[in-house]
């Protein structure tokens, strides 16, 4: 994401300071993201895409697949984004194919909440536990999801995730992003 964010920002003629003001993030943090020293959460990527007025996939995509009218991402071609101190590692499962509201990701939640902050964003979120067990913390309530369980919720409800047990949880997370 690092080079793509900087490229899009410069292409749009937006300074780091302006982007910081639009997103409520610090210039220091945004600079780290641009240099690849920090990986933004999905919620942060949604804020950045809204501030830049681009589809969130454009922050990750190397090139656009709009000409085909579909997006196929083979297992070995997923663009993984390394875990940082703020939460889960994840990989985008789709490339930009024009206007769309569904954003699919594979998410690998951390084992504890110690570095995880509550996320909230516009739209809806759907979580399917593909492997392992996960705990979803909604501040006032915590849910334990097992392999095969699914959860759908309003993403404006503050939430965070953690993997439970010895096996790293692997989740399919689909975010419906509303403009």
C-alpha atoms as a PDB file:
ATOM      1  CA  UNK A   1       0.000   0.000   0.000  1.00  0.00           C
ATOM      2  CA  UNK A   2       2.856   2.374   0.747  1.00  0.00           C
ATOM      3  CA  UNK A   3       3.787   3.426  -2.773  1.00  0.00           C
ATOM      4  CA  UNK A   4       0.185   3.428  -4.016  1.00  0.00           C
ATOM      5  CA  UNK A   5      -1.011   5.816  -1.287  1.00  0.00           C
ATOM      6  CA  UNK A   6       1.781   8.288  -1.997  1.00  0.00           C
ATOM      7  CA  UNK A   7       1.223   7.994  -5.754  1.00  0.00           C
ATOM      8  CA  UNK A   8      -2.535   8.640  -5.441  1.00  0.00           C
ATOM      9  CA  UNK A   9      -2.034  11.514  -2.991  1.00  0.00           C
ATOM     10  CA  UNK A  10       0.511  13.235  -5.248  1.00  0.00           C
ATOM     11  CA  UNK A  11      -1.554  12.564  -8.379  1.00  0.00           C
ATOM     12  CA  UNK A  12      -4.473  14.349  -6.703  1.00  0.00           C
ATOM     13  CA  UNK A  13      -2.228  17.204  -5.553  1.00  0.00           C
ATOM     14  CA  UNK A  14      -2.989  16.630  -1.868  1.00  0.00           C
ATOM     15  CA  UNK A  15      -0.333  17.373   0.736  1.00  0.00           C
ATOM     16  CA  UNK A  16       0.345  15.054   3.644  1.00  0.00           C
ATOM     17  CA  UNK A  17      -0.913  17.808   5.955  1.00  0.00           C
ATOM     18  CA  UNK A  18      -4.213  18.132   4.042  1.00  0.00           C
ATOM     19  CA  UNK A  19      -4.709  14.362   4.087  1.00  0.00           C
ATOM     20  CA  UNK A  20      -4.023  14.343   7.830  1.00  0.00           C
ATOM     21  CA  UNK A  21      -6.664  17.062   8.338  1.00  0.00           C
ATOM     22  CA  UNK A  22      -9.228  15.224   6.184  1.00  0.00           C
ATOM     23  CA  UNK A  23      -8.754  11.896   7.957  1.00  0.00           C
ATOM     24  CA  UNK A  24      -8.036  12.972  11.531  1.00  0.00           C
ATOM     25  CA  UNK A  25      -4.748  11.039  11.400  1.00  0.00           C
ATOM     26  CA  UNK A  26      -1.327  12.462  12.154  1.00  0.00           C
ATOM     27  CA  UNK A  27       1.153  13.402   9.427  1.00  0.00           C
ATOM     28  CA  UNK A  28       3.656  11.153  11.164  1.00  0.00           C
ATOM     29  CA  UNK A  29       1.373   8.108  10.935  1.00  0.00           C
ATOM     30  CA  UNK A  30       0.483   8.806   7.289  1.00  0.00           C
ATOM     31  CA  UNK A  31       4.156   9.187   6.442  1.00  0.00           C
ATOM     32  CA  UNK A  32       4.848   5.779   8.032  1.00  0.00           C
ATOM     33  CA  UNK A  33       2.042   4.237   5.957  1.00  0.00           C
ATOM     34  CA  UNK A  34       3.437   5.788   2.778  1.00  0.00           C
ATOM     35  CA  UNK A  35       6.924   4.466   3.550  1.00  0.00           C
ATOM     36  CA  UNK A  36       5.599   0.984   4.337  1.00  0.00           C
ATOM     37  CA  UNK A  37       6.582   1.211   8.015  1.00  0.00           C
ATOM     38  CA  UNK A  38       2.978   0.888   9.222  1.00  0.00           C
ATOM     39  CA  UNK A  39       0.024  -1.020   7.797  1.00  0.00           C
ATOM     40  CA  UNK A  40      -3.368   0.649   8.126  1.00  0.00           C
ATOM     41  CA  UNK A  41      -6.398  -1.243   9.411  1.00  0.00           C
ATOM     42  CA  UNK A  42      -9.341  -1.815   7.089  1.00  0.00           C
ATOM     43  CA  UNK A  43     -11.219   1.018   8.826  1.00  0.00           C
ATOM     44  CA  UNK A  44      -8.227   3.345   8.307  1.00  0.00           C
ATOM     45  CA  UNK A  45      -7.973   2.329   4.639  1.00  0.00           C
ATOM     46  CA  UNK A  46     -11.676   3.178   4.240  1.00  0.00           C
ATOM     47  CA  UNK A  47     -11.076   6.643   5.755  1.00  0.00           C
ATOM     48  CA  UNK A  48      -8.097   7.207   3.446  1.00  0.00           C
ATOM     49  CA  UNK A  49     -10.037   6.153   0.351  1.00  0.00           C
ATOM     50  CA  UNK A  50     -12.919   8.445   1.278  1.00  0.00           C
ATOM     51  CA  UNK A  51     -10.540  11.386   1.858  1.00  0.00           C
ATOM     52  CA  UNK A  52      -8.862  10.738  -1.524  1.00  0.00           C
ATOM     53  CA  UNK A  53     -12.225  10.062  -3.205  1.00  0.00           C
ATOM     54  CA  UNK A  54     -11.073   6.713  -4.613  1.00  0.00           C
ATOM     55  CA  UNK A  55     -12.259   3.131  -4.204  1.00  0.00           C
ATOM     56  CA  UNK A  56     -10.399   1.473  -1.316  1.00  0.00           C
ATOM     57  CA  UNK A  57      -8.967  -1.204  -3.626  1.00  0.00           C
ATOM     58  CA  UNK A  58      -7.066   1.502  -5.507  1.00  0.00           C
ATOM     59  CA  UNK A  59      -4.900   1.967  -2.404  1.00  0.00           C
ATOM     60  CA  UNK A  60      -3.794  -1.670  -2.674  1.00  0.00           C
ATOM     61  CA  UNK A  61      -4.011  -2.553  -6.362  1.00  0.00           C
ATOM     62  CA  UNK A  62      -0.938  -2.633  -8.543  1.00  0.00           C
ATOM     63  CA  UNK A  63      -3.086  -2.227 -11.641  1.00  0.00           C
ATOM     64  CA  UNK A  64      -6.757  -2.046 -12.494  1.00  0.00           C
ATOM     65  CA  UNK A  65      -8.750  -4.984 -13.854  1.00  0.00           C
ATOM     66  CA  UNK A  66     -11.733  -2.860 -14.881  1.00  0.00           C
ATOM     67  CA  UNK A  67     -11.492  -3.857 -18.551  1.00  0.00           C
ATOM     68  CA  UNK A  68     -12.444  -7.476 -17.790  1.00  0.00           C
ATOM     69  CA  UNK A  69     -15.463  -6.502 -15.667  1.00  0.00           C
ATOM     70  CA  UNK A  70     -14.510  -8.937 -12.913  1.00  0.00           C
ATOM     71  CA  UNK A  71     -11.796  -9.526 -10.365  1.00  0.00           C
ATOM     72  CA  UNK A  72     -10.092 -12.888  -9.932  1.00  0.00           C
ATOM     73  CA  UNK A  73      -7.452 -13.139  -7.212  1.00  0.00           C
ATOM     74  CA  UNK A  74      -5.829 -16.568  -7.055  1.00  0.00           C
ATOM     75  CA  UNK A  75      -4.710 -17.855  -3.667  1.00  0.00           C
ATOM     76  CA  UNK A  76      -1.022 -17.293  -4.444  1.00  0.00           C
ATOM     77  CA  UNK A  77      -1.678 -13.787  -5.811  1.00  0.00           C
ATOM     78  CA  UNK A  78      -3.246 -12.268  -2.701  1.00  0.00           C
ATOM     79  CA  UNK A  79      -1.652  -9.021  -1.649  1.00  0.00           C
ATOM     80  CA  UNK A  80      -0.941  -9.653   2.032  1.00  0.00           C
ATOM     81  CA  UNK A  81      -0.508  -6.726   4.334  1.00  0.00           C
ATOM     82  CA  UNK A  82       1.742  -7.341   7.319  1.00  0.00           C
ATOM     83  CA  UNK A  83       0.434  -6.993  10.826  1.00  0.00           C
ATOM     84  CA  UNK A  84       1.387  -3.839  12.656  1.00  0.00           C
ATOM     85  CA  UNK A  85       0.935  -2.800  16.282  1.00  0.00           C
ATOM     86  CA  UNK A  86      -2.647  -1.731  15.686  1.00  0.00           C
ATOM     87  CA  UNK A  87      -4.346  -5.005  14.891  1.00  0.00           C
ATOM     88  CA  UNK A  88      -4.855  -7.863  12.486  1.00  0.00           C
ATOM     89  CA  UNK A  89      -2.961  -8.829   9.381  1.00  0.00           C
ATOM     90  CA  UNK A  90      -5.134  -8.996   6.287  1.00  0.00           C
ATOM     91  CA  UNK A  91      -5.131  -9.532   2.554  1.00  0.00           C
ATOM     92  CA  UNK A  92      -7.388  -7.977  -0.045  1.00  0.00           C
ATOM     93  CA  UNK A  93      -9.389 -10.541  -2.037  1.00  0.00           C
ATOM     94  CA  UNK A  94     -10.453  -8.277  -4.907  1.00  0.00           C
ATOM     95  CA  UNK A  95      -9.001  -5.759  -7.309  1.00  0.00           C
ATOM     96  CA  UNK A  96     -10.648  -2.561  -8.509  1.00  0.00           C
ATOM     97  CA  UNK A  97     -13.348  -3.273 -11.144  1.00  0.00           C
ATOM     98  CA  UNK A  98     -15.287  -0.019 -11.070  1.00  0.00           C
ATOM     99  CA  UNK A  99     -17.853   1.270  -8.620  1.00  0.00           C
ATOM    100  CA  UNK A 100     -18.792  -1.318  -6.040  1.00  0.00           C
ATOM    101  CA  UNK A 101     -19.605  -1.368  -2.383  1.00  0.00           C
ATOM    102  CA  UNK A 102     -18.470  -4.846  -1.236  1.00  0.00           C
ATOM    103  CA  UNK A 103     -14.854  -5.136  -0.071  1.00  0.00           C
ATOM    104  CA  UNK A 104     -13.697  -8.714   0.722  1.00  0.00           C
ATOM    105  CA  UNK A 105     -10.638  -9.476   2.871  1.00  0.00           C
ATOM    106  CA  UNK A 106      -8.974 -12.435   4.568  1.00  0.00           C
ATOM    107  CA  UNK A 107      -8.192 -11.351   8.132  1.00  0.00           C
ATOM    108  CA  UNK A 108      -5.799 -12.939  10.649  1.00  0.00           C
ATOM    109  CA  UNK A 109      -6.648 -11.413  14.052  1.00  0.00           C
ATOM    110  CA  UNK A 110      -3.952 -11.014  16.731  1.00  0.00           C
ATOM    111  CA  UNK A 111      -4.007 -13.319  19.757  1.00  0.00           C
ATOM    112  CA  UNK A 112      -4.831 -10.540  22.232  1.00  0.00           C
ATOM    113  CA  UNK A 113      -6.410  -7.118  22.465  1.00  0.00           C
ATOM    114  CA  UNK A 114      -3.341  -5.413  23.987  1.00  0.00           C
ATOM    115  CA  UNK A 115      -2.488  -3.470  20.803  1.00  0.00           C
ATOM    116  CA  UNK A 116      -5.924  -3.579  19.209  1.00  0.00           C
ATOM    117  CA  UNK A 117      -8.087  -0.478  19.174  1.00  0.00           C
ATOM    118  CA  UNK A 118     -11.817  -0.428  18.526  1.00  0.00           C
ATOM    119  CA  UNK A 119     -12.638   0.184  14.861  1.00  0.00           C
ATOM    120  CA  UNK A 120     -15.782   1.702  13.443  1.00  0.00           C
ATOM    121  CA  UNK A 121     -16.685   2.785   9.941  1.00  0.00           C
ATOM    122  CA  UNK A 122     -19.673   3.463   7.750  1.00  0.00           C
ATOM    123  CA  UNK A 123     -21.522   0.523   6.250  1.00  0.00           C
ATOM    124  CA  UNK A 124     -21.934  -3.086   7.274  1.00  0.00           C
ATOM    125  CA  UNK A 125     -19.516  -5.890   8.046  1.00  0.00           C
ATOM    126  CA  UNK A 126     -19.867  -9.635   7.541  1.00  0.00           C
ATOM    127  CA  UNK A 127     -17.467 -12.076   9.224  1.00  0.00           C
ATOM    128  CA  UNK A 128     -17.200 -15.791   8.413  1.00  0.00           C
ATOM    129  CA  UNK A 129     -14.794 -17.883  10.504  1.00  0.00           C
ATOM    130  CA  UNK A 130     -12.948 -20.036   7.983  1.00  0.00           C
ATOM    131  CA  UNK A 131     -10.485 -21.511  10.503  1.00  0.00           C
ATOM    132  CA  UNK A 132      -9.978 -21.368  14.272  1.00  0.00           C
ATOM    133  CA  UNK A 133     -11.924 -19.455  16.890  1.00  0.00           C
ATOM    134  CA  UNK A 134     -12.289 -15.711  17.310  1.00  0.00           C
ATOM    135  CA  UNK A 135     -13.639 -13.297  19.891  1.00  0.00           C
ATOM    136  CA  UNK A 136     -15.470 -10.189  18.719  1.00  0.00           C
ATOM    137  CA  UNK A 137     -15.525  -7.373  21.276  1.00  0.00           C
ATOM    138  CA  UNK A 138     -18.314  -4.801  20.888  1.00  0.00           C
ATOM    139  CA  UNK A 139     -17.281  -2.857  24.049  1.00  0.00           C
ATOM    140  CA  UNK A 140     -20.454  -3.816  25.966  1.00  0.00           C
ATOM    141  CA  UNK A 141     -20.576  -7.415  24.738  1.00  0.00           C
ATOM    142  CA  UNK A 142     -18.142 -10.115  23.597  1.00  0.00           C
ATOM    143  CA  UNK A 143     -19.032 -12.959  21.251  1.00  0.00           C
ATOM    144  CA  UNK A 144     -17.045 -16.143  20.618  1.00  0.00           C
ATOM    145  CA  UNK A 145     -17.256 -17.450  17.064  1.00  0.00           C
ATOM    146  CA  UNK A 146     -16.210 -20.973  16.065  1.00  0.00           C
ATOM    147  CA  UNK A 147     -15.138 -22.339  12.668  1.00  0.00           C
ATOM    148  CA  UNK A 148     -18.117 -22.050  10.324  1.00  0.00           C
ATOM    149  CA  UNK A 149     -19.874 -19.306  12.326  1.00  0.00           C
ATOM    150  CA  UNK A 150     -20.951 -16.086  10.618  1.00  0.00           C
ATOM    151  CA  UNK A 151     -21.675 -12.619  12.018  1.00  0.00           C
ATOM    152  CA  UNK A 152     -23.248  -9.619  10.259  1.00  0.00           C
ATOM    153  CA  UNK A 153     -23.414  -6.198  11.963  1.00  0.00           C
ATOM    154  CA  UNK A 154     -23.561  -2.434  11.539  1.00  0.00           C
ATOM    155  CA  UNK A 155     -19.887  -1.443  11.239  1.00  0.00           C
ATOM    156  CA  UNK A 156     -20.517   1.861  13.051  1.00  0.00           C
ATOM    157  CA  UNK A 157     -20.730  -0.248  16.214  1.00  0.00           C
ATOM    158  CA  UNK A 158     -17.189  -0.103  17.689  1.00  0.00           C
ATOM    159  CA  UNK A 159     -15.559  -3.516  17.333  1.00  0.00           C
ATOM    160  CA  UNK A 160     -12.271  -5.380  17.544  1.00  0.00           C
ATOM    161  CA  UNK A 161     -11.189  -8.983  17.032  1.00  0.00           C
ATOM    162  CA  UNK A 162      -8.783 -11.480  18.502  1.00  0.00           C
ATOM    163  CA  UNK A 163      -7.838 -15.052  17.717  1.00  0.00           C
ATOM    164  CA  UNK A 164      -8.567 -17.606  20.471  1.00  0.00           C
ATOM    165  CA  UNK A 165      -6.658 -20.814  21.183  1.00  0.00           C
ATOM    166  CA  UNK A 166      -3.473 -22.179  19.675  1.00  0.00           C
ATOM    167  CA  UNK A 167      -4.607 -22.048  16.043  1.00  0.00           C
ATOM    168  CA  UNK A 168      -4.400 -18.702  14.214  1.00  0.00           C
ATOM    169  CA  UNK A 169      -7.947 -17.736  13.230  1.00  0.00           C
ATOM    170  CA  UNK A 170      -8.571 -16.996   9.557  1.00  0.00           C
ATOM    171  CA  UNK A 171     -11.652 -14.950   8.706  1.00  0.00           C
ATOM    172  CA  UNK A 172     -13.435 -13.926   5.554  1.00  0.00           C
ATOM    173  CA  UNK A 173     -14.492 -10.336   6.210  1.00  0.00           C
ATOM    174  CA  UNK A 174     -16.712  -8.505   3.740  1.00  0.00           C
ATOM    175  CA  UNK A 175     -17.221  -4.809   4.318  1.00  0.00           C
ATOM    176  CA  UNK A 176     -20.094  -2.985   2.645  1.00  0.00           C
ATOM    177  CA  UNK A 177     -18.832   0.562   2.306  1.00  0.00           C
ATOM    178  CA  UNK A 178     -21.400   3.312   2.050  1.00  0.00           C
ATOM    179  CA  UNK A 179     -20.426   6.700   0.660  1.00  0.00           C
END
